[in-house]
Amino acid sequence: MRKIIFRGKRKDNKEWVKGGYYKDHCYGNKVGENTYIINWNTFGLGFIDNIKVDPETVGQYTGLDPELVQDEKLVFDGDIVEITDHTIEETFKRCDALVTMLMTRTYEVFWNVTKWSIKSLEPMLAVDPPIFDLPTKNVTYEIVGNIHDNPELLGV
């Protein structure tokens, strides 16, 4: 079964938290005024803590296998990743530096209507911006930041 996890930045101290997602529409609040990440207890008998987060920072876990990611981290919507394609690696082992440069590119991860996708942050083949499905074969990921903490990476 697929894990459904969200993350968001706490309103009080700006730290990232992970867990369930809840938006409070009750008690006369404006829609989205109170957005929470909920930490459930390990027995599933209720929640331990509901933490107010900035709704602009909430992103869902992509479901990408953590074994594909350096340090086995979870990749979320809004993460900026470097993806290395190992497909051509065997063919060009002699041109090591050139191959590494050609194989590794920087992308933003995002939900694209019906599926997880990546958007290139580097110019490629005169397509602006190139968008691809989230690759899972013969690749490795390294999370280099996210659109909230590292907006400067969007202009790579």
C-alpha atoms as a PDB file:
ATOM      1  CA  MET A   1       0.000   0.000   0.000  1.00  0.00           C
ATOM      2  CA  ARG A   2       1.221   3.484  -0.882  1.00  0.00           C
ATOM      3  CA  LYS A   3       2.222   5.784   1.984  1.00  0.00           C
ATOM      4  CA  ILE A   4       0.348   9.083   2.052  1.00  0.00           C
ATOM      5  CA  ILE A   5       2.460  11.617   3.921  1.00  0.00           C
ATOM      6  CA  PHE A   6       2.439  15.408   3.833  1.00  0.00           C
ATOM      7  CA  ARG A   7       4.934  17.956   5.046  1.00  0.00           C
ATOM      8  CA  GLY A   8       4.658  21.646   5.804  1.00  0.00           C
ATOM      9  CA  LYS A   9       6.549  24.448   7.540  1.00  0.00           C
ATOM     10  CA  ARG A  10       5.423  25.207  11.068  1.00  0.00           C
ATOM     11  CA  LYS A  11       3.972  28.683  11.524  1.00  0.00           C
ATOM     12  CA  ASP A  12       5.633  29.169  14.925  1.00  0.00           C
ATOM     13  CA  ASN A  13       9.280  28.238  14.240  1.00  0.00           C
ATOM     14  CA  LYS A  14       9.455  27.589  10.443  1.00  0.00           C
ATOM     15  CA  GLU A  15      10.699  23.988  10.915  1.00  0.00           C
ATOM     16  CA  TRP A  16       9.490  21.235   8.572  1.00  0.00           C
ATOM     17  CA  VAL A  17       7.061  18.633   9.973  1.00  0.00           C
ATOM     18  CA  LYS A  18       5.644  15.464   8.385  1.00  0.00           C
ATOM     19  CA  GLY A  19       2.409  13.580   8.942  1.00  0.00           C
ATOM     20  CA  GLY A  20      -1.253  13.690   7.988  1.00  0.00           C
ATOM     21  CA  TYR A  21      -2.954  16.765   6.505  1.00  0.00           C
ATOM     22  CA  TYR A  22      -5.970  18.638   7.833  1.00  0.00           C
ATOM     23  CA  LYS A  23      -7.576  21.968   6.915  1.00  0.00           C
ATOM     24  CA  ASP A  24      -9.955  23.513   9.471  1.00  0.00           C
ATOM     25  CA  HIS A  25     -13.143  24.908   7.919  1.00  0.00           C
ATOM     26  CA  CYS A  26     -15.099  25.192  11.178  1.00  0.00           C
ATOM     27  CA  TYR A  27     -15.906  27.894  13.701  1.00  0.00           C
ATOM     28  CA  GLY A  28     -16.111  30.811  11.303  1.00  0.00           C
ATOM     29  CA  ASN A  29     -12.534  30.525  10.075  1.00  0.00           C
ATOM     30  CA  LYS A  30     -11.748  31.554   6.544  1.00  0.00           C
ATOM     31  CA  VAL A  31     -11.168  28.560   4.267  1.00  0.00           C
ATOM     32  CA  GLY A  32      -7.585  27.438   4.701  1.00  0.00           C
ATOM     33  CA  GLU A  33      -6.967  29.794   7.607  1.00  0.00           C
ATOM     34  CA  ASN A  34      -5.890  26.915   9.820  1.00  0.00           C
ATOM     35  CA  THR A  35      -3.911  24.199   8.079  1.00  0.00           C
ATOM     36  CA  TYR A  36      -2.362  21.406  10.113  1.00  0.00           C
ATOM     37  CA  ILE A  37       0.073  18.536   9.832  1.00  0.00           C
ATOM     38  CA  ILE A  38      -1.085  15.798  12.192  1.00  0.00           C
ATOM     39  CA  ASN A  39       1.277  13.339  13.872  1.00  0.00           C
ATOM     40  CA  TRP A  40      -0.540  10.052  14.545  1.00  0.00           C
ATOM     41  CA  ASN A  41       0.445   7.736  17.365  1.00  0.00           C
ATOM     42  CA  THR A  42       1.981   4.376  16.510  1.00  0.00           C
ATOM     43  CA  PHE A  43      -1.109   2.418  17.580  1.00  0.00           C
ATOM     44  CA  GLY A  44      -3.523   4.318  15.312  1.00  0.00           C
ATOM     45  CA  LEU A  45      -5.734   5.262  18.267  1.00  0.00           C
ATOM     46  CA  GLY A  46      -5.703   8.980  17.618  1.00  0.00           C
ATOM     47  CA  PHE A  47      -3.355  11.849  17.005  1.00  0.00           C
ATOM     48  CA  ILE A  48      -0.490  12.991  19.181  1.00  0.00           C
ATOM     49  CA  ASP A  49      -0.175  16.523  17.915  1.00  0.00           C
ATOM     50  CA  ASN A  50      -1.717  18.824  15.347  1.00  0.00           C
ATOM     51  CA  ILE A  51       0.752  21.466  14.212  1.00  0.00           C
ATOM     52  CA  LYS A  52      -0.266  24.685  12.437  1.00  0.00           C
ATOM     53  CA  VAL A  53       1.626  25.048   9.161  1.00  0.00           C
ATOM     54  CA  ASP A  54       1.851  27.595   6.370  1.00  0.00           C
ATOM     55  CA  PRO A  55      -0.596  26.278   3.725  1.00  0.00           C
ATOM     56  CA  GLU A  56       1.664  27.537   0.918  1.00  0.00           C
ATOM     57  CA  THR A  57       4.387  25.092   2.007  1.00  0.00           C
ATOM     58  CA  VAL A  58       2.277  21.913   2.226  1.00  0.00           C
ATOM     59  CA  GLY A  59       3.430  19.192  -0.167  1.00  0.00           C
ATOM     60  CA  GLN A  60       2.681  15.496  -0.567  1.00  0.00           C
ATOM     61  CA  TYR A  61       5.180  12.627  -0.603  1.00  0.00           C
ATOM     62  CA  THR A  62       5.645  11.369  -4.166  1.00  0.00           C
ATOM     63  CA  GLY A  63       5.830   7.699  -3.251  1.00  0.00           C
ATOM     64  CA  LEU A  64       9.254   7.478  -4.891  1.00  0.00           C
ATOM     65  CA  ASP A  65      11.268   4.548  -3.516  1.00  0.00           C
ATOM     66  CA  PRO A  66      13.687   6.032  -0.927  1.00  0.00           C
ATOM     67  CA  GLU A  67      16.380   3.596  -2.129  1.00  0.00           C
ATOM     68  CA  LEU A  68      16.669   5.716  -5.307  1.00  0.00           C
ATOM     69  CA  VAL A  69      17.498   8.804  -3.233  1.00  0.00           C
ATOM     70  CA  GLN A  70      20.835   9.670  -1.638  1.00  0.00           C
ATOM     71  CA  ASP A  71      20.542   9.156   2.150  1.00  0.00           C
ATOM     72  CA  GLU A  72      17.198   7.384   1.468  1.00  0.00           C
ATOM     73  CA  LYS A  73      15.177  10.564   2.048  1.00  0.00           C
ATOM     74  CA  LEU A  74      11.545  11.015   1.000  1.00  0.00           C
ATOM     75  CA  VAL A  75      10.910  13.191  -2.087  1.00  0.00           C
ATOM     76  CA  PHE A  76       8.014  15.663  -1.704  1.00  0.00           C
ATOM     77  CA  ASP A  77       6.123  18.014  -3.999  1.00  0.00           C
ATOM     78  CA  GLY A  78       8.244  21.168  -4.320  1.00  0.00           C
ATOM     79  CA  ASP A  79      11.597  19.463  -3.815  1.00  0.00           C
ATOM     80  CA  ILE A  80      14.463  20.373  -6.119  1.00  0.00           C
ATOM     81  CA  VAL A  81      16.433  17.300  -7.110  1.00  0.00           C
ATOM     82  CA  GLU A  82      19.474  16.396  -9.138  1.00  0.00           C
ATOM     83  CA  ILE A  83      18.757  13.257 -11.114  1.00  0.00           C
ATOM     84  CA  THR A  84      21.591  11.171 -12.486  1.00  0.00           C
ATOM     85  CA  ASP A  85      20.682   8.871 -15.366  1.00  0.00           C
ATOM     86  CA  HIS A  86      22.848   5.753 -15.327  1.00  0.00           C
ATOM     87  CA  THR A  87      21.595   4.377 -18.661  1.00  0.00           C
ATOM     88  CA  ILE A  88      24.560   5.650 -20.697  1.00  0.00           C
ATOM     89  CA  GLU A  89      27.101   5.198 -17.906  1.00  0.00           C
ATOM     90  CA  GLU A  90      28.409   1.830 -19.096  1.00  0.00           C
ATOM     91  CA  THR A  91      28.922   3.056 -22.648  1.00  0.00           C
ATOM     92  CA  PHE A  92      31.035   6.083 -21.838  1.00  0.00           C
ATOM     93  CA  LYS A  93      33.111   5.106 -18.796  1.00  0.00           C
ATOM     94  CA  ARG A  94      36.285   6.511 -20.388  1.00  0.00           C
ATOM     95  CA  CYS A  95      34.962  10.096 -20.583  1.00  0.00           C
ATOM     96  CA  ASP A  96      34.138  10.244 -16.880  1.00  0.00           C
ATOM     97  CA  ALA A  97      33.772  14.000 -16.234  1.00  0.00           C
ATOM     98  CA  LEU A  98      31.886  14.665 -19.474  1.00  0.00           C
ATOM     99  CA  VAL A  99      29.486  11.785 -18.862  1.00  0.00           C
ATOM    100  CA  THR A 100      28.739  12.944 -15.304  1.00  0.00           C
ATOM    101  CA  MET A 101      27.994  16.432 -16.605  1.00  0.00           C
ATOM    102  CA  LEU A 102      25.652  15.085 -19.297  1.00  0.00           C
ATOM    103  CA  MET A 103      23.909  12.598 -17.025  1.00  0.00           C
ATOM    104  CA  THR A 104      23.086  14.821 -14.023  1.00  0.00           C
ATOM    105  CA  ARG A 105      20.463  17.566 -14.289  1.00  0.00           C
ATOM    106  CA  THR A 106      18.428  19.648 -11.826  1.00  0.00           C
ATOM    107  CA  TYR A 107      14.621  19.425 -11.677  1.00  0.00           C
ATOM    108  CA  GLU A 108      11.657  20.630  -9.627  1.00  0.00           C
ATOM    109  CA  VAL A 109       9.254  17.878  -8.512  1.00  0.00           C
ATOM    110  CA  PHE A 110       5.529  18.711  -8.831  1.00  0.00           C
ATOM    111  CA  TRP A 111       2.044  17.201  -9.250  1.00  0.00           C
ATOM    112  CA  ASN A 112       1.075  17.485 -12.922  1.00  0.00           C
ATOM    113  CA  VAL A 113      -2.743  17.059 -13.040  1.00  0.00           C
ATOM    114  CA  THR A 114      -2.745  13.222 -12.800  1.00  0.00           C
ATOM    115  CA  LYS A 115       0.816  12.151 -11.957  1.00  0.00           C
ATOM    116  CA  TRP A 116       4.116  13.185 -10.379  1.00  0.00           C
ATOM    117  CA  SER A 117       6.388  14.973 -12.834  1.00  0.00           C
ATOM    118  CA  ILE A 118       9.667  16.858 -12.976  1.00  0.00           C
ATOM    119  CA  LYS A 119      10.380  20.223 -14.633  1.00  0.00           C
ATOM    120  CA  SER A 120      13.891  20.923 -15.830  1.00  0.00           C
ATOM    121  CA  LEU A 121      15.544  23.952 -14.233  1.00  0.00           C
ATOM    122  CA  GLU A 122      18.241  23.977 -16.910  1.00  0.00           C
ATOM    123  CA  PRO A 123      17.768  24.877 -20.583  1.00  0.00           C
ATOM    124  CA  MET A 124      17.441  21.812 -22.829  1.00  0.00           C
ATOM    125  CA  LEU A 125      16.776  21.437 -26.543  1.00  0.00           C
ATOM    126  CA  ALA A 126      14.964  24.781 -26.870  1.00  0.00           C
ATOM    127  CA  VAL A 127      11.936  23.457 -24.956  1.00  0.00           C
ATOM    128  CA  ASP A 128      10.896  25.794 -22.168  1.00  0.00           C
ATOM    129  CA  PRO A 129      10.554  24.278 -19.601  1.00  0.00           C
ATOM    130  CA  PRO A 130      10.872  20.583 -20.421  1.00  0.00           C
ATOM    131  CA  ILE A 131       8.540  18.424 -18.308  1.00  0.00           C
ATOM    132  CA  PHE A 132       8.950  14.673 -17.820  1.00  0.00           C
ATOM    133  CA  ASP A 133       7.365  11.855 -15.838  1.00  0.00           C
ATOM    134  CA  LEU A 134       9.125  11.084 -12.562  1.00  0.00           C
ATOM    135  CA  PRO A 135      11.777   8.538 -13.651  1.00  0.00           C
ATOM    136  CA  THR A 136      12.295   5.389 -11.595  1.00  0.00           C
ATOM    137  CA  LYS A 137      14.587   3.162 -13.656  1.00  0.00           C
ATOM    138  CA  ASN A 138      18.398   3.468 -13.882  1.00  0.00           C
ATOM    139  CA  VAL A 139      18.433   6.795 -11.997  1.00  0.00           C
ATOM    140  CA  THR A 140      19.484   8.142  -8.621  1.00  0.00           C
ATOM    141  CA  TYR A 141      18.183  11.268  -6.910  1.00  0.00           C
ATOM    142  CA  GLU A 142      19.827  13.800  -4.657  1.00  0.00           C
ATOM    143  CA  ILE A 143      17.605  16.374  -2.940  1.00  0.00           C
ATOM    144  CA  VAL A 144      19.440  19.703  -3.206  1.00  0.00           C
ATOM    145  CA  GLY A 145      16.700  21.912  -1.750  1.00  0.00           C
ATOM    146  CA  ASN A 146      13.079  22.913  -2.201  1.00  0.00           C
ATOM    147  CA  ILE A 147      11.131  25.804  -3.705  1.00  0.00           C
ATOM    148  CA  HIS A 148      10.357  27.317  -0.277  1.00  0.00           C
ATOM    149  CA  ASP A 149      13.810  27.304   1.354  1.00  0.00           C
ATOM    150  CA  ASN A 150      15.932  27.651  -1.796  1.00  0.00           C
ATOM    151  CA  PRO A 151      14.105  29.800  -4.377  1.00  0.00           C
ATOM    152  CA  GLU A 152      17.493  30.775  -5.808  1.00  0.00           C
ATOM    153  CA  LEU A 153      17.793  27.222  -7.194  1.00  0.00           C
ATOM    154  CA  LEU A 154      14.789  27.824  -9.463  1.00  0.00           C
ATOM    155  CA  GLY A 155      17.021  30.032 -11.621  1.00  0.00           C
ATOM    156  CA  VAL A 156      19.762  27.396 -12.110  1.00  0.00           C
END
